[in-house]
Amino acid sequence: MDNNPTTSTTPNTSTTPTTRKARKKVIVTYLIGAAAGAALGFVYYRLIGCRTGACPLTSTLYGTLIYGGIIGTLAAGLFAAR
């Protein structure tokens, strides 16, 4: 038996259950942020919106949903555990 510390048989830390749980938690946080942002984008579109069509981001429903989802994902990054 070799007592060399560089040849230990410890499991790879990138595949341990704790690391997988942490990654899953971060992914779920981003998905919740995207969904919340898209929902708020929809509310903005329905309540405020752009009546003339001259607003490039908020003149269509899809544009507002995508924009809200991106902003929600970025905001969720502030709360994601690392």
Protein backbone atom coordinates (compact mmCIF):
# COMPACT_ATOMS: atom_id res chain seq x y z
CA MET A 1 0.00 0.00 0.00
CA ASP A 2 1.37 3.37 -1.00
CA ASN A 3 1.06 6.16 1.58
CA ASN A 4 1.49 8.91 -0.98
CA PRO A 5 -1.12 11.65 -0.27
CA THR A 6 -1.44 12.52 -3.96
CA THR A 7 -2.91 9.11 -4.78
CA SER A 8 -5.80 9.17 -2.34
CA THR A 9 -9.04 7.45 -3.21
CA THR A 10 -11.37 10.22 -2.08
CA PRO A 11 -14.29 10.87 -4.43
CA ASN A 12 -14.15 13.69 -6.92
CA THR A 13 -15.71 16.77 -5.30
CA SER A 14 -17.51 17.78 -8.51
CA THR A 15 -19.80 14.75 -8.31
CA THR A 16 -20.54 14.58 -4.60
CA PRO A 17 -24.22 14.78 -3.62
CA THR A 18 -23.65 18.04 -1.73
CA THR A 19 -22.27 19.73 -4.82
CA ARG A 20 -25.13 18.43 -6.96
CA LYS A 21 -27.65 19.77 -4.46
CA ALA A 22 -25.96 23.17 -4.46
CA ARG A 23 -25.98 23.30 -8.27
CA LYS A 24 -29.61 22.27 -8.37
CA LYS A 25 -30.47 24.99 -5.86
CA VAL A 26 -28.72 27.62 -7.97
CA ILE A 27 -30.46 26.46 -11.15
CA VAL A 28 -33.85 26.47 -9.43
CA THR A 29 -33.15 29.97 -8.11
CA TYR A 30 -32.42 31.21 -11.64
CA LEU A 31 -35.52 29.51 -13.05
CA ILE A 32 -37.74 31.02 -10.35
CA GLY A 33 -36.22 34.43 -11.08
CA ALA A 34 -36.87 34.06 -14.80
CA ALA A 35 -40.47 32.99 -14.21
CA ALA A 36 -41.08 35.83 -11.76
CA GLY A 37 -39.53 38.33 -14.17
CA ALA A 38 -41.66 37.08 -17.05
CA ALA A 39 -44.78 37.28 -14.86
CA LEU A 40 -43.95 40.84 -13.88
CA GLY A 41 -43.27 41.63 -17.54
CA PHE A 42 -46.76 40.35 -18.37
CA VAL A 43 -48.29 42.48 -15.62
CA TYR A 44 -46.39 45.50 -16.92
CA TYR A 45 -47.60 44.81 -20.46
CA ARG A 46 -51.24 44.50 -19.37
CA LEU A 47 -51.34 47.44 -16.96
CA ILE A 48 -48.92 49.98 -18.44
CA GLY A 49 -47.64 48.71 -21.79
CA CYS A 50 -46.97 50.83 -24.82
CA ARG A 51 -50.14 51.94 -26.55
CA THR A 52 -48.47 53.57 -29.56
CA GLY A 53 -46.14 50.72 -30.48
CA ALA A 54 -43.11 53.01 -30.50
CA CYS A 55 -41.49 51.31 -27.49
CA PRO A 56 -39.18 48.57 -28.81
CA LEU A 57 -39.07 46.47 -25.62
CA THR A 58 -42.60 46.75 -24.37
CA SER A 59 -44.69 47.15 -27.52
CA THR A 60 -45.29 43.39 -27.90
CA LEU A 61 -46.20 40.77 -25.33
CA TYR A 62 -43.32 38.47 -26.29
CA GLY A 63 -40.75 41.24 -26.07
CA THR A 64 -41.98 42.18 -22.61
CA LEU A 65 -41.95 38.55 -21.44
CA ILE A 66 -38.40 37.99 -22.69
CA TYR A 67 -37.16 41.27 -21.27
CA GLY A 68 -38.80 40.54 -17.89
CA GLY A 69 -37.36 37.02 -17.87
CA ILE A 70 -33.85 38.28 -18.52
CA ILE A 71 -34.12 40.94 -15.82
CA GLY A 72 -35.57 38.34 -13.40
CA THR A 73 -32.70 35.94 -14.12
CA LEU A 74 -30.14 38.67 -13.50
CA ALA A 75 -31.88 39.67 -10.28
CA ALA A 76 -31.99 36.02 -9.15
CA GLY A 77 -28.22 35.91 -9.58
CA LEU A 78 -28.00 38.22 -6.58
CA PHE A 79 -29.68 35.59 -4.41
CA ALA A 80 -28.13 32.42 -5.83
CA ALA A 81 -26.00 30.51 -3.30
CA ARG A 82 -22.50 29.90 -4.52
